[in-house]
Amino acid sequence: SNIPSEMLGESKGVFVTIRQNGALRGCLGSTKPIAKNLAQEIITN
């Protein structure tokens, strides 16, 4: 409920990168938005 308004008011592609012990552990995302807003895009990716 306390998410910033800009994360609800726009749609953007997002990549989320995870590193562990100095190495890549996961990286997936989308260059074009799929979800209805940026918050959902971040959660999904």
Full PDB file with SEQRES, HELIX, SHEET, SSBOND, CRYST1, ORIGX, SCALE, CONECT and MASTER records, all heavy atoms in Angstrom:
SEQRES   1 A   45  SER ASN ILE PRO SER GLU MET LEU GLY GLU SER LYS GLY          
SEQRES   2 A   45  VAL PHE VAL THR ILE ARG GLN ASN GLY ALA LEU ARG GLY          
SEQRES   3 A   45  CYS LEU GLY SER THR LYS PRO ILE ALA LYS ASN LEU ALA          
SEQRES   4 A   45  GLN GLU ILE ILE THR ASN                                      
HELIX    1 AA1 GLU A    6  GLY A    9  1                                   4    
HELIX    2 AA2 LEU A   38  THR A   44  1                                   7    
SHEET    1 AA1 2 VAL A  14  GLN A  20  0                                        
SHEET    2 AA1 2 ALA A  23  SER A  30 -1                                        
CRYST1    1.000    1.000    1.000  90.00  90.00  90.00 P 1           1          
ORIGX1      1.000000  0.000000  0.000000        0.00000                         
ORIGX2      0.000000  1.000000  0.000000        0.00000                         
ORIGX3      0.000000  0.000000  1.000000        0.00000                         
SCALE1      1.000000  0.000000  0.000000        0.00000                         
SCALE2      0.000000  1.000000  0.000000        0.00000                         
SCALE3      0.000000  0.000000  1.000000        0.00000                         
ATOM      1  N   SER A   1       0.818  -1.228   0.000  1.00  0.00           N  
ATOM      2  CA  SER A   1       0.000   0.000   0.000  1.00  0.00           C  
ATOM      3  C   SER A   1       0.840   1.260   0.000  1.00  0.00           C  
ATOM      4  O   SER A   1       0.367   2.323  -0.427  1.00  0.00           O  
ATOM      5  CB  SER A   1      -0.922  -0.001   1.227  1.00  0.00           C  
ATOM      6  OG  SER A   1      -0.150  -0.092   2.429  1.00  0.00           O  
ATOM      7  N   ASN A   2       2.098   1.168   0.451  1.00  0.00           N  
ATOM      8  CA  ASN A   2       2.930   2.365   0.562  1.00  0.00           C  
ATOM      9  C   ASN A   2       3.858   2.556  -0.632  1.00  0.00           C  
ATOM     10  O   ASN A   2       4.866   3.266  -0.535  1.00  0.00           O  
ATOM     11  CB  ASN A   2       3.752   2.299   1.838  1.00  0.00           C  
ATOM     12  CG  ASN A   2       4.692   1.094   1.868  1.00  0.00           C  
ATOM     13  OD1 ASN A   2       4.526   0.145   1.096  1.00  0.00           O  
ATOM     14  ND2 ASN A   2       5.665   1.123   2.760  1.00  0.00           N  
ATOM     15  N   ILE A   3       3.517   1.951  -1.761  1.00  0.00           N  
ATOM     16  CA  ILE A   3       4.375   2.029  -2.936  1.00  0.00           C  
ATOM     17  C   ILE A   3       4.343   3.444  -3.511  1.00  0.00           C  
ATOM     18  O   ILE A   3       3.300   4.097  -3.519  1.00  0.00           O  
ATOM     19  CB  ILE A   3       3.920   0.991  -4.001  1.00  0.00           C  
ATOM     20  CG1 ILE A   3       5.095   0.594  -4.895  1.00  0.00           C  
ATOM     21  CG2 ILE A   3       2.785   1.509  -4.845  1.00  0.00           C  
ATOM     22  CD1 ILE A   3       6.011  -0.385  -4.250  1.00  0.00           C  
ATOM     23  N   PRO A   4       5.484   3.975  -4.003  1.00  0.00           N  
ATOM     24  CA  PRO A   4       5.487   5.318  -4.599  1.00  0.00           C  
ATOM     25  C   PRO A   4       4.542   5.407  -5.792  1.00  0.00           C  
ATOM     26  O   PRO A   4       4.397   4.453  -6.569  1.00  0.00           O  
ATOM     27  CB  PRO A   4       6.946   5.494  -5.041  1.00  0.00           C  
ATOM     28  CG  PRO A   4       7.730   4.601  -4.139  1.00  0.00           C  
ATOM     29  CD  PRO A   4       6.845   3.413  -3.899  1.00  0.00           C  
ATOM     30  N   SER A   5       3.909   6.562  -5.954  1.00  0.00           N  
ATOM     31  CA  SER A   5       2.880   6.731  -6.988  1.00  0.00           C  
ATOM     32  C   SER A   5       3.421   6.533  -8.392  1.00  0.00           C  
ATOM     33  O   SER A   5       2.708   6.032  -9.266  1.00  0.00           O  
ATOM     34  CB  SER A   5       2.241   8.123  -6.867  1.00  0.00           C  
ATOM     35  OG  SER A   5       3.240   9.135  -6.987  1.00  0.00           O  
ATOM     36  N   GLU A   6       4.678   6.921  -8.639  1.00  0.00           N  
ATOM     37  CA  GLU A   6       5.212   6.786 -10.006  1.00  0.00           C  
ATOM     38  C   GLU A   6       5.323   5.328 -10.428  1.00  0.00           C  
ATOM     39  O   GLU A   6       5.345   5.009 -11.619  1.00  0.00           O  
ATOM     40  CB  GLU A   6       6.578   7.470 -10.138  1.00  0.00           C  
ATOM     41  CG  GLU A   6       7.722   6.786  -9.400  1.00  0.00           C  
ATOM     42  CD  GLU A   6       7.933   7.364  -8.003  1.00  0.00           C  
ATOM     43  OE1 GLU A   6       7.021   8.035  -7.493  1.00  0.00           O  
ATOM     44  OE2 GLU A   6       9.033   7.145  -7.455  1.00  0.00           O  
ATOM     45  N   MET A   7       5.398   4.389  -9.470  1.00  0.00           N  
ATOM     46  CA  MET A   7       5.488   2.978  -9.805  1.00  0.00           C  
ATOM     47  C   MET A   7       4.125   2.402 -10.166  1.00  0.00           C  
ATOM     48  O   MET A   7       4.038   1.286 -10.683  1.00  0.00           O  
ATOM     49  CB  MET A   7       6.101   2.198  -8.645  1.00  0.00           C  
ATOM     50  CG  MET A   7       7.542   2.618  -8.352  1.00  0.00           C  
ATOM     51  SD  MET A   7       8.238   1.859  -6.865  1.00  0.00           S  
ATOM     52  CE  MET A   7       8.423   0.168  -7.396  1.00  0.00           C  
ATOM     53  N   LEU A   8       3.073   3.169  -9.897  1.00  0.00           N  
ATOM     54  CA  LEU A   8       1.718   2.750 -10.267  1.00  0.00           C  
ATOM     55  C   LEU A   8       1.202   3.473 -11.493  1.00  0.00           C  
ATOM     56  O   LEU A   8       0.296   2.987 -12.179  1.00  0.00           O  
ATOM     57  CB  LEU A   8       0.759   3.002  -9.095  1.00  0.00           C  
ATOM     58  CG  LEU A   8       1.055   2.261  -7.791  1.00  0.00           C  
ATOM     59  CD1 LEU A   8       0.118   2.747  -6.690  1.00  0.00           C  
ATOM     60  CD2 LEU A   8       0.925   0.756  -7.982  1.00  0.00           C  
ATOM     61  N   GLY A   9       1.796   4.627 -11.790  1.00  0.00           N  
ATOM     62  CA  GLY A   9       1.249   5.471 -12.849  1.00  0.00           C  
ATOM     63  C   GLY A   9       1.881   5.297 -14.204  1.00  0.00           C  
ATOM     64  O   GLY A   9       1.456   5.945 -15.168  1.00  0.00           O  
ATOM     65  N   GLU A  10       2.928   4.468 -14.328  1.00  0.00           N  
ATOM     66  CA  GLU A  10       3.554   4.272 -15.629  1.00  0.00           C  
ATOM     67  C   GLU A  10       3.918   2.816 -15.837  1.00  0.00           C  
ATOM     68  O   GLU A  10       4.053   2.039 -14.885  1.00  0.00           O  
ATOM     69  CB  GLU A  10       4.802   5.153 -15.776  1.00  0.00           C  
ATOM     70  CG  GLU A  10       5.905   4.857 -14.775  1.00  0.00           C  
ATOM     71  CD  GLU A  10       7.129   5.730 -14.981  1.00  0.00           C  
ATOM     72  OE1 GLU A  10       7.147   6.513 -15.954  1.00  0.00           O  
ATOM     73  OE2 GLU A  10       8.075   5.625 -14.190  1.00  0.00           O  
ATOM     74  N   SER A  11       4.077   2.440 -17.094  1.00  0.00           N  
ATOM     75  CA  SER A  11       4.477   1.088 -17.472  1.00  0.00           C  
ATOM     76  C   SER A  11       5.817   1.157 -18.190  1.00  0.00           C  
ATOM     77  O   SER A  11       5.980   1.963 -19.116  1.00  0.00           O  
ATOM     78  CB  SER A  11       3.430   0.438 -18.381  1.00  0.00           C  
ATOM     79  OG  SER A  11       2.198   0.304 -17.713  1.00  0.00           O  
ATOM     80  N   LYS A  12       6.751   0.332 -17.769  1.00  0.00           N  
ATOM     81  CA  LYS A  12       8.075   0.291 -18.386  1.00  0.00           C  
ATOM     82  C   LYS A  12       8.585  -1.146 -18.374  1.00  0.00           C  
ATOM     83  O   LYS A  12       8.204  -1.955 -17.528  1.00  0.00           O  
ATOM     84  CB  LYS A  12       9.069   1.168 -17.607  1.00  0.00           C  
ATOM     85  CG  LYS A  12       8.774   2.650 -17.620  1.00  0.00           C  
ATOM     86  CD  LYS A  12       9.096   3.269 -18.974  1.00  0.00           C  
ATOM     87  CE  LYS A  12       8.869   4.771 -18.952  1.00  0.00           C  
ATOM     88  NZ  LYS A  12       9.112   5.376 -20.294  1.00  0.00           N  
ATOM     89  N   GLY A  13       9.465  -1.446 -19.324  1.00  0.00           N  
ATOM     90  CA  GLY A  13      10.181  -2.709 -19.259  1.00  0.00           C  
ATOM     91  C   GLY A  13      11.144  -2.690 -18.087  1.00  0.00           C  
ATOM     92  O   GLY A  13      11.657  -1.630 -17.704  1.00  0.00           O  
ATOM     93  N   VAL A  14      11.406  -3.837 -17.531  1.00  0.00           N  
ATOM     94  CA  VAL A  14      12.256  -3.932 -16.342  1.00  0.00           C  
ATOM     95  C   VAL A  14      13.086  -5.212 -16.407  1.00  0.00           C  
ATOM     96  O   VAL A  14      12.582  -6.266 -16.811  1.00  0.00           O  
ATOM     97  CB  VAL A  14      11.404  -3.965 -15.051  1.00  0.00           C  
ATOM     98  CG1 VAL A  14      12.251  -4.370 -13.848  1.00  0.00           C  
ATOM     99  CG2 VAL A  14      10.764  -2.618 -14.792  1.00  0.00           C  
ATOM    100  N   PHE A  15      14.348  -5.111 -16.005  1.00  0.00           N  
ATOM    101  CA  PHE A  15      15.188  -6.294 -15.783  1.00  0.00           C  
ATOM    102  C   PHE A  15      15.584  -6.347 -14.318  1.00  0.00           C  
ATOM    103  O   PHE A  15      15.984  -5.331 -13.738  1.00  0.00           O  
ATOM    104  CB  PHE A  15      16.440  -6.255 -16.655  1.00  0.00           C  
ATOM    105  CG  PHE A  15      16.227  -6.816 -18.031  1.00  0.00           C  
ATOM    106  CD1 PHE A  15      15.631  -6.043 -19.011  1.00  0.00           C  
ATOM    107  CD2 PHE A  15      16.585  -8.116 -18.334  1.00  0.00           C  
ATOM    108  CE1 PHE A  15      15.403  -6.553 -20.279  1.00  0.00           C  
ATOM    109  CE2 PHE A  15      16.364  -8.635 -19.601  1.00  0.00           C  
ATOM    110  CZ  PHE A  15      15.768  -7.859 -20.575  1.00  0.00           C  
ATOM    111  N   VAL A  16      15.471  -7.521 -13.724  1.00  0.00           N  
ATOM    112  CA  VAL A  16      15.895  -7.740 -12.345  1.00  0.00           C  
ATOM    113  C   VAL A  16      17.091  -8.683 -12.365  1.00  0.00           C  
ATOM    114  O   VAL A  16      17.038  -9.752 -12.976  1.00  0.00           O  
ATOM    115  CB  VAL A  16      14.760  -8.335 -11.488  1.00  0.00           C  
ATOM    116  CG1 VAL A  16      15.268  -8.647 -10.075  1.00  0.00           C  
ATOM    117  CG2 VAL A  16      13.580  -7.371 -11.425  1.00  0.00           C  
ATOM    118  N   THR A  17      18.156  -8.260 -11.707  1.00  0.00           N  
ATOM    119  CA  THR A  17      19.394  -9.044 -11.664  1.00  0.00           C  
ATOM    120  C   THR A  17      19.687  -9.454 -10.236  1.00  0.00           C  
ATOM    121  O   THR A  17      19.616  -8.640  -9.315  1.00  0.00           O  
ATOM    122  CB  THR A  17      20.577  -8.229 -12.217  1.00  0.00           C  
ATOM    123  OG1 THR A  17      20.281  -7.816 -13.562  1.00  0.00           O  
ATOM    124  CG2 THR A  17      21.856  -9.052 -12.213  1.00  0.00           C  
ATOM    125  N   ILE A  18      20.025 -10.728 -10.055  1.00  0.00           N  
ATOM    126  CA  ILE A  18      20.366 -11.267  -8.738  1.00  0.00           C  
ATOM    127  C   ILE A  18      21.800 -11.780  -8.774  1.00  0.00           C  
ATOM    128  O   ILE A  18      22.188 -12.495  -9.692  1.00  0.00           O  
ATOM    129  CB  ILE A  18      19.424 -12.429  -8.361  1.00  0.00           C  
ATOM    130  CG1 ILE A  18      17.965 -11.976  -8.408  1.00  0.00           C  
ATOM    131  CG2 ILE A  18      19.773 -12.970  -6.965  1.00  0.00           C  
ATOM    132  CD1 ILE A  18      16.967 -13.118  -8.321  1.00  0.00           C  
ATOM    133  N   ARG A  19      22.588 -11.381  -7.774  1.00  0.00           N  
ATOM    134  CA  ARG A  19      23.955 -11.887  -7.632  1.00  0.00           C  
ATOM    135  C   ARG A  19      24.107 -12.522  -6.262  1.00  0.00           C  
ATOM    136  O   ARG A  19      23.495 -12.094  -5.287  1.00  0.00           O  
ATOM    137  CB  ARG A  19      24.989 -10.767  -7.811  1.00  0.00           C  
ATOM    138  CG  ARG A  19      25.029 -10.231  -9.233  1.00  0.00           C  
ATOM    139  CD  ARG A  19      26.187  -9.277  -9.480  1.00  0.00           C  
ATOM    140  NE  ARG A  19      26.259  -8.905 -10.880  1.00  0.00           N  
ATOM    141  CZ  ARG A  19      26.892  -9.602 -11.812  1.00  0.00           C  
ATOM    142  NH1 ARG A  19      27.535 -10.706 -11.469  1.00  0.00           N  
ATOM    143  NH2 ARG A  19      26.904  -9.211 -13.061  1.00  0.00           N  
ATOM    144  N   GLN A  20      24.954 -13.534  -6.224  1.00  0.00           N  
ATOM    145  CA  GLN A  20      25.195 -14.252  -4.975  1.00  0.00           C  
ATOM    146  C   GLN A  20      26.645 -14.686  -4.929  1.00  0.00           C  
ATOM    147  O   GLN A  20      27.158 -15.257  -5.895  1.00  0.00           O  
ATOM    148  CB  GLN A  20      24.272 -15.473  -4.865  1.00  0.00           C  
ATOM    149  CG  GLN A  20      24.411 -16.244  -3.564  1.00  0.00           C  
ATOM    150  CD  GLN A  20      23.485 -17.450  -3.523  1.00  0.00           C  
ATOM    151  OE1 GLN A  20      22.855 -17.803  -4.514  1.00  0.00           O  
ATOM    152  NE2 GLN A  20      23.403 -18.084  -2.374  1.00  0.00           N  
ATOM    153  N   ASN A  21      27.314 -14.394  -3.820  1.00  0.00           N  
ATOM    154  CA  ASN A  21      28.723 -14.770  -3.662  1.00  0.00           C  
ATOM    155  C   ASN A  21      29.583 -14.278  -4.820  1.00  0.00           C  
ATOM    156  O   ASN A  21      30.482 -14.966  -5.293  1.00  0.00           O  
ATOM    157  CB  ASN A  21      28.857 -16.291  -3.524  1.00  0.00           C  
ATOM    158  CG  ASN A  21      28.209 -16.812  -2.265  1.00  0.00           C  
ATOM    159  OD1 ASN A  21      28.258 -16.156  -1.223  1.00  0.00           O  
ATOM    160  ND2 ASN A  21      27.587 -17.974  -2.349  1.00  0.00           N  
ATOM    161  N   GLY A  22      29.283 -13.071  -5.299  1.00  0.00           N  
ATOM    162  CA  GLY A  22      30.096 -12.460  -6.335  1.00  0.00           C  
ATOM    163  C   GLY A  22      29.800 -12.916  -7.742  1.00  0.00           C  
ATOM    164  O   GLY A  22      30.463 -12.476  -8.689  1.00  0.00           O  
ATOM    165  N   ALA A  23      28.818 -13.773  -7.931  1.00  0.00           N  
ATOM    166  CA  ALA A  23      28.513 -14.297  -9.269  1.00  0.00           C  
ATOM    167  C   ALA A  23      27.046 -14.067  -9.610  1.00  0.00           C  
ATOM    168  O   ALA A  23      26.189 -13.947  -8.730  1.00  0.00           O  
ATOM    169  CB  ALA A  23      28.834 -15.783  -9.344  1.00  0.00           C  
ATOM    170  N   LEU A  24      26.764 -14.003 -10.909  1.00  0.00           N  
ATOM    171  CA  LEU A  24      25.383 -13.885 -11.360  1.00  0.00           C  
ATOM    172  C   LEU A  24      24.585 -15.093 -10.897  1.00  0.00           C  
ATOM    173  O   LEU A  24      25.039 -16.223 -10.990  1.00  0.00           O  
ATOM    174  CB  LEU A  24      25.347 -13.792 -12.887  1.00  0.00           C  
ATOM    175  CG  LEU A  24      23.968 -13.575 -13.524  1.00  0.00           C  
ATOM    176  CD1 LEU A  24      23.411 -12.216 -13.150  1.00  0.00           C  
ATOM    177  CD2 LEU A  24      24.064 -13.713 -15.046  1.00  0.00           C  
ATOM    178  N   ARG A  25      23.369 -14.840 -10.394  1.00  0.00           N  
ATOM    179  CA  ARG A  25      22.507 -15.911  -9.900  1.00  0.00           C  
ATOM    180  C   ARG A  25      21.169 -15.948 -10.620  1.00  0.00           C  
ATOM    181  O   ARG A  25      20.401 -16.898 -10.493  1.00  0.00           O  
ATOM    182  CB  ARG A  25      22.296 -15.709  -8.401  1.00  0.00           C  
ATOM    183  CG  ARG A  25      21.594 -16.865  -7.685  1.00  0.00           C  
ATOM    184  CD  ARG A  25      22.406 -18.137  -7.729  1.00  0.00           C  
ATOM    185  NE  ARG A  25      21.839 -19.165  -6.888  1.00  0.00           N  
ATOM    186  CZ  ARG A  25      20.797 -19.920  -7.192  1.00  0.00           C  
ATOM    187  NH1 ARG A  25      20.177 -19.754  -8.344  1.00  0.00           N  
ATOM    188  NH2 ARG A  25      20.353 -20.848  -6.366  1.00  0.00           N  
ATOM    189  N   GLY A  26      20.889 -14.901 -11.393  1.00  0.00           N  
ATOM    190  CA  GLY A  26      19.652 -14.849 -12.158  1.00  0.00           C  
ATOM    191  C   GLY A  26      19.458 -13.465 -12.739  1.00  0.00           C  
ATOM    192  O   GLY A  26      19.759 -12.467 -12.095  1.00  0.00           O  
ATOM    193  N   CYS A  27      18.969 -13.397 -13.967  1.00  0.00           N  
ATOM    194  CA  CYS A  27      18.681 -12.109 -14.601  1.00  0.00           C  
ATOM    195  C   CYS A  27      17.650 -12.327 -15.693  1.00  0.00           C  
ATOM    196  O   CYS A  27      17.932 -12.976 -16.705  1.00  0.00           O  
ATOM    197  CB  CYS A  27      19.943 -11.482 -15.183  1.00  0.00           C  
ATOM    198  SG  CYS A  27      19.639  -9.866 -15.968  1.00  0.00           S  
ATOM    199  N   LEU A  28      16.452 -11.809 -15.483  1.00  0.00           N  
ATOM    200  CA  LEU A  28      15.394 -11.892 -16.477  1.00  0.00           C  
ATOM    201  C   LEU A  28      14.597 -10.597 -16.459  1.00  0.00           C  
ATOM    202  O   LEU A  28      14.593  -9.854 -15.473  1.00  0.00           O  
ATOM    203  CB  LEU A  28      14.470 -13.077 -16.204  1.00  0.00           C  
ATOM    204  CG  LEU A  28      15.022 -14.474 -16.495  1.00  0.00           C  
ATOM    205  CD1 LEU A  28      14.011 -15.538 -16.102  1.00  0.00           C  
ATOM    206  CD2 LEU A  28      15.414 -14.635 -17.950  1.00  0.00           C  
ATOM    207  N   GLY A  29      13.921 -10.338 -17.567  1.00  0.00           N  
ATOM    208  CA  GLY A  29      13.110  -9.132 -17.644  1.00  0.00           C  
ATOM    209  C   GLY A  29      12.536  -8.942 -19.021  1.00  0.00           C  
ATOM    210  O   GLY A  29      12.494  -9.868 -19.836  1.00  0.00           O  
ATOM    211  N   SER A  30      12.116  -7.730 -19.291  1.00  0.00           N  
ATOM    212  CA  SER A  30      11.478  -7.411 -20.567  1.00  0.00           C  
ATOM    213  C   SER A  30      11.841  -5.991 -20.971  1.00  0.00           C  
ATOM    214  O   SER A  30      11.885  -5.090 -20.134  1.00  0.00           O  
ATOM    215  CB  SER A  30       9.950  -7.531 -20.436  1.00  0.00           C  
ATOM    216  OG  SER A  30       9.495  -6.804 -19.297  1.00  0.00           O  
ATOM    217  N   THR A  31      12.123  -5.804 -22.253  1.00  0.00           N  
ATOM    218  CA  THR A  31      12.440  -4.455 -22.736  1.00  0.00           C  
ATOM    219  C   THR A  31      11.176  -3.626 -22.946  1.00  0.00           C  
ATOM    220  O   THR A  31      11.226  -2.400 -22.911  1.00  0.00           O  
ATOM    221  CB  THR A  31      13.227  -4.529 -24.057  1.00  0.00           C  
ATOM    222  OG1 THR A  31      12.496  -5.340 -24.995  1.00  0.00           O  
ATOM    223  CG2 THR A  31      14.602  -5.122 -23.825  1.00  0.00           C  
ATOM    224  N   LYS A  32      10.047  -4.320 -23.156  1.00  0.00           N  
ATOM    225  CA  LYS A  32       8.764  -3.631 -23.297  1.00  0.00           C  
ATOM    226  C   LYS A  32       7.858  -4.068 -22.156  1.00  0.00           C  
ATOM    227  O   LYS A  32       7.900  -5.234 -21.748  1.00  0.00           O  
ATOM    228  CB  LYS A  32       8.120  -3.967 -24.641  1.00  0.00           C  
ATOM    229  CG  LYS A  32       8.929  -3.503 -25.841  1.00  0.00           C  
ATOM    230  CD  LYS A  32       8.263  -3.928 -27.146  1.00  0.00           C  
ATOM    231  CE  LYS A  32       9.099  -3.514 -28.349  1.00  0.00           C  
ATOM    232  NZ  LYS A  32       8.474  -3.952 -29.632  1.00  0.00           N  
ATOM    233  N   PRO A  33       7.028  -3.158 -21.627  1.00  0.00           N  
ATOM    234  CA  PRO A  33       6.184  -3.518 -20.483  1.00  0.00           C  
ATOM    235  C   PRO A  33       5.161  -4.587 -20.831  1.00  0.00           C  
ATOM    236  O   PRO A  33       4.577  -4.583 -21.915  1.00  0.00           O  
ATOM    237  CB  PRO A  33       5.522  -2.188 -20.102  1.00  0.00           C  
ATOM    238  CG  PRO A  33       5.563  -1.375 -21.348  1.00  0.00           C  
ATOM    239  CD  PRO A  33       6.830  -1.758 -22.043  1.00  0.00           C  
ATOM    240  N   ILE A  34       4.966  -5.494 -19.905  1.00  0.00           N  
ATOM    241  CA  ILE A  34       3.958  -6.549 -20.034  1.00  0.00           C  
ATOM    242  C   ILE A  34       2.851  -6.339 -19.002  1.00  0.00           C  
ATOM    243  O   ILE A  34       1.679  -6.506 -19.293  1.00  0.00           O  
ATOM    244  CB  ILE A  34       4.606  -7.933 -19.871  1.00  0.00           C  
ATOM    245  CG1 ILE A  34       5.648  -8.174 -20.971  1.00  0.00           C  
ATOM    246  CG2 ILE A  34       3.548  -9.030 -19.907  1.00  0.00           C  
ATOM    247  CD1 ILE A  34       6.456  -9.432 -20.787  1.00  0.00           C  
ATOM    248  N   ALA A  35       3.231  -5.944 -17.800  1.00  0.00           N  
ATOM    249  CA  ALA A  35       2.257  -5.709 -16.735  1.00  0.00           C  
ATOM    250  C   ALA A  35       1.622  -4.326 -16.881  1.00  0.00           C  
ATOM    251  O   ALA A  35       2.088  -3.484 -17.639  1.00  0.00           O  
ATOM    252  CB  ALA A  35       2.935  -5.841 -15.378  1.00  0.00           C  
ATOM    253  N   LYS A  36       0.570  -4.084 -16.086  1.00  0.00           N  
ATOM    254  CA  LYS A  36      -0.184  -2.837 -16.226  1.00  0.00           C  
ATOM    255  C   LYS A  36       0.528  -1.642 -15.603  1.00  0.00           C  
ATOM    256  O   LYS A  36       0.200  -0.497 -15.903  1.00  0.00           O  
ATOM    257  CB  LYS A  36      -1.577  -2.983 -15.612  1.00  0.00           C  
ATOM    258  CG  LYS A  36      -1.587  -3.281 -14.120  1.00  0.00           C  
ATOM    259  CD  LYS A  36      -3.017  -3.445 -13.622  1.00  0.00           C  
ATOM    260  CE  LYS A  36      -3.058  -3.742 -12.127  1.00  0.00           C  
ATOM    261  NZ  LYS A  36      -4.462  -3.909 -11.649  1.00  0.00           N  
ATOM    262  N   ASN A  37       1.502  -1.909 -14.724  1.00  0.00           N  
ATOM    263  CA  ASN A  37       2.257  -0.804 -14.151  1.00  0.00           C  
ATOM    264  C   ASN A  37       3.657  -1.276 -13.766  1.00  0.00           C  
ATOM    265  O   ASN A  37       3.957  -2.479 -13.794  1.00  0.00           O  
ATOM    266  CB  ASN A  37       1.528  -0.185 -12.947  1.00  0.00           C  
ATOM    267  CG  ASN A  37       1.227  -1.207 -11.860  1.00  0.00           C  
ATOM    268  OD1 ASN A  37       2.089  -1.958 -11.448  1.00  0.00           O  
ATOM    269  ND2 ASN A  37      -0.037  -1.226 -11.412  1.00  0.00           N  
ATOM    270  N   LEU A  38       4.505  -0.336 -13.407  1.00  0.00           N  
ATOM    271  CA  LEU A  38       5.901  -0.631 -13.122  1.00  0.00           C  
ATOM    272  C   LEU A  38       6.055  -1.535 -11.904  1.00  0.00           C  
ATOM    273  O   LEU A  38       6.926  -2.417 -11.874  1.00  0.00           O  
ATOM    274  CB  LEU A  38       6.654   0.692 -12.909  1.00  0.00           C  
ATOM    275  CG  LEU A  38       8.168   0.649 -12.762  1.00  0.00           C  
ATOM    276  CD1 LEU A  38       8.811  -0.125 -13.904  1.00  0.00           C  
ATOM    277  CD2 LEU A  38       8.717   2.076 -12.701  1.00  0.00           C  
ATOM    278  N   ALA A  39       5.222  -1.348 -10.900  1.00  0.00           N  
ATOM    279  CA  ALA A  39       5.304  -2.185  -9.706  1.00  0.00           C  
ATOM    280  C   ALA A  39       5.059  -3.648 -10.040  1.00  0.00           C  
ATOM    281  O   ALA A  39       5.808  -4.539  -9.607  1.00  0.00           O  
ATOM    282  CB  ALA A  39       4.301  -1.698  -8.659  1.00  0.00           C  
ATOM    283  N   GLN A  40       4.018  -3.923 -10.830  1.00  0.00           N  
ATOM    284  CA  GLN A  40       3.729  -5.297 -11.224  1.00  0.00           C  
ATOM    285  C   GLN A  40       4.843  -5.862 -12.098  1.00  0.00           C  
ATOM    286  O   GLN A  40       5.177  -7.052 -12.020  1.00  0.00           O  
ATOM    287  CB  GLN A  40       2.391  -5.360 -11.962  1.00  0.00           C  
ATOM    288  CG  GLN A  40       1.174  -5.234 -11.065  1.00  0.00           C  
ATOM    289  CD  GLN A  40       0.924  -6.484 -10.223  1.00  0.00           C  
ATOM    290  OE1 GLN A  40       1.737  -7.400 -10.188  1.00  0.00           O  
ATOM    291  NE2 GLN A  40      -0.207  -6.503  -9.530  1.00  0.00           N  
ATOM    292  N   GLU A  41       5.418  -5.015 -12.929  1.00  0.00           N  
ATOM    293  CA  GLU A  41       6.523  -5.449 -13.803  1.00  0.00           C  
ATOM    294  C   GLU A  41       7.704  -5.908 -12.943  1.00  0.00           C  
ATOM    295  O   GLU A  41       8.332  -6.939 -13.214  1.00  0.00           O  
ATOM    296  CB  GLU A  41       6.936  -4.308 -14.722  1.00  0.00           C  
ATOM    297  CG  GLU A  41       7.728  -4.737 -15.932  1.00  0.00           C  
ATOM    298  CD  GLU A  41       6.839  -5.281 -17.052  1.00  0.00           C  
ATOM    299  OE1 GLU A  41       5.693  -4.824 -17.193  1.00  0.00           O  
ATOM    300  OE2 GLU A  41       7.321  -6.160 -17.795  1.00  0.00           O  
ATOM    301  N   ILE A  42       8.025  -5.133 -11.916  1.00  0.00           N  
ATOM    302  CA  ILE A  42       9.131  -5.487 -11.029  1.00  0.00           C  
ATOM    303  C   ILE A  42       8.835  -6.785 -10.285  1.00  0.00           C  
ATOM    304  O   ILE A  42       9.688  -7.691 -10.208  1.00  0.00           O  
ATOM    305  CB  ILE A  42       9.407  -4.340 -10.030  1.00  0.00           C  
ATOM    306  CG1 ILE A  42       9.969  -3.120 -10.772  1.00  0.00           C  
ATOM    307  CG2 ILE A  42      10.380  -4.795  -8.942  1.00  0.00           C  
ATOM    308  CD1 ILE A  42      10.087  -1.884  -9.908  1.00  0.00           C  
ATOM    309  N   ILE A  43       7.638  -6.903  -9.745  1.00  0.00           N  
ATOM    310  CA  ILE A  43       7.267  -8.108  -8.993  1.00  0.00           C  
ATOM    311  C   ILE A  43       7.360  -9.348  -9.869  1.00  0.00           C  
ATOM    312  O   ILE A  43       7.955 -10.368  -9.489  1.00  0.00           O  
ATOM    313  CB  ILE A  43       5.842  -7.957  -8.411  1.00  0.00           C  
ATOM    314  CG1 ILE A  43       5.828  -6.901  -7.313  1.00  0.00           C  
ATOM    315  CG2 ILE A  43       5.328  -9.296  -7.883  1.00  0.00           C  
ATOM    316  CD1 ILE A  43       4.432  -6.526  -6.836  1.00  0.00           C  
ATOM    317  N   THR A  44       6.788  -9.262 -11.069  1.00  0.00           N  
ATOM    318  CA  THR A  44       6.780 -10.419 -11.971  1.00  0.00           C  
ATOM    319  C   THR A  44       8.175 -10.821 -12.394  1.00  0.00           C  
ATOM    320  O   THR A  44       8.551 -12.006 -12.349  1.00  0.00           O  
ATOM    321  CB  THR A  44       5.931 -10.102 -13.212  1.00  0.00           C  
ATOM    322  OG1 THR A  44       4.588  -9.826 -12.807  1.00  0.00           O  
ATOM    323  CG2 THR A  44       5.936 -11.280 -14.184  1.00  0.00           C  
ATOM    324  N   ASN A  45       8.988  -9.838 -12.782  1.00  0.00           N  
ATOM    325  CA  ASN A  45      10.324 -10.165 -13.277  1.00  0.00           C  
ATOM    326  C   ASN A  45      11.279 -10.551 -12.151  1.00  0.00           C  
ATOM    327  O   ASN A  45      12.227 -11.309 -12.375  1.00  0.00           O  
ATOM    328  CB  ASN A  45      10.874  -9.003 -14.096  1.00  0.00           C  
ATOM    329  CG  ASN A  45      10.161  -8.866 -15.422  1.00  0.00           C  
ATOM    330  OD1 ASN A  45       9.614  -9.831 -15.946  1.00  0.00           O  
ATOM    331  ND2 ASN A  45      10.138  -7.662 -15.979  1.00  0.00           N  
TER     332      ASN A  45                                                      
MASTER        0    0    0    2    2    0    0    6  331    1    0    4          
END                                                                             
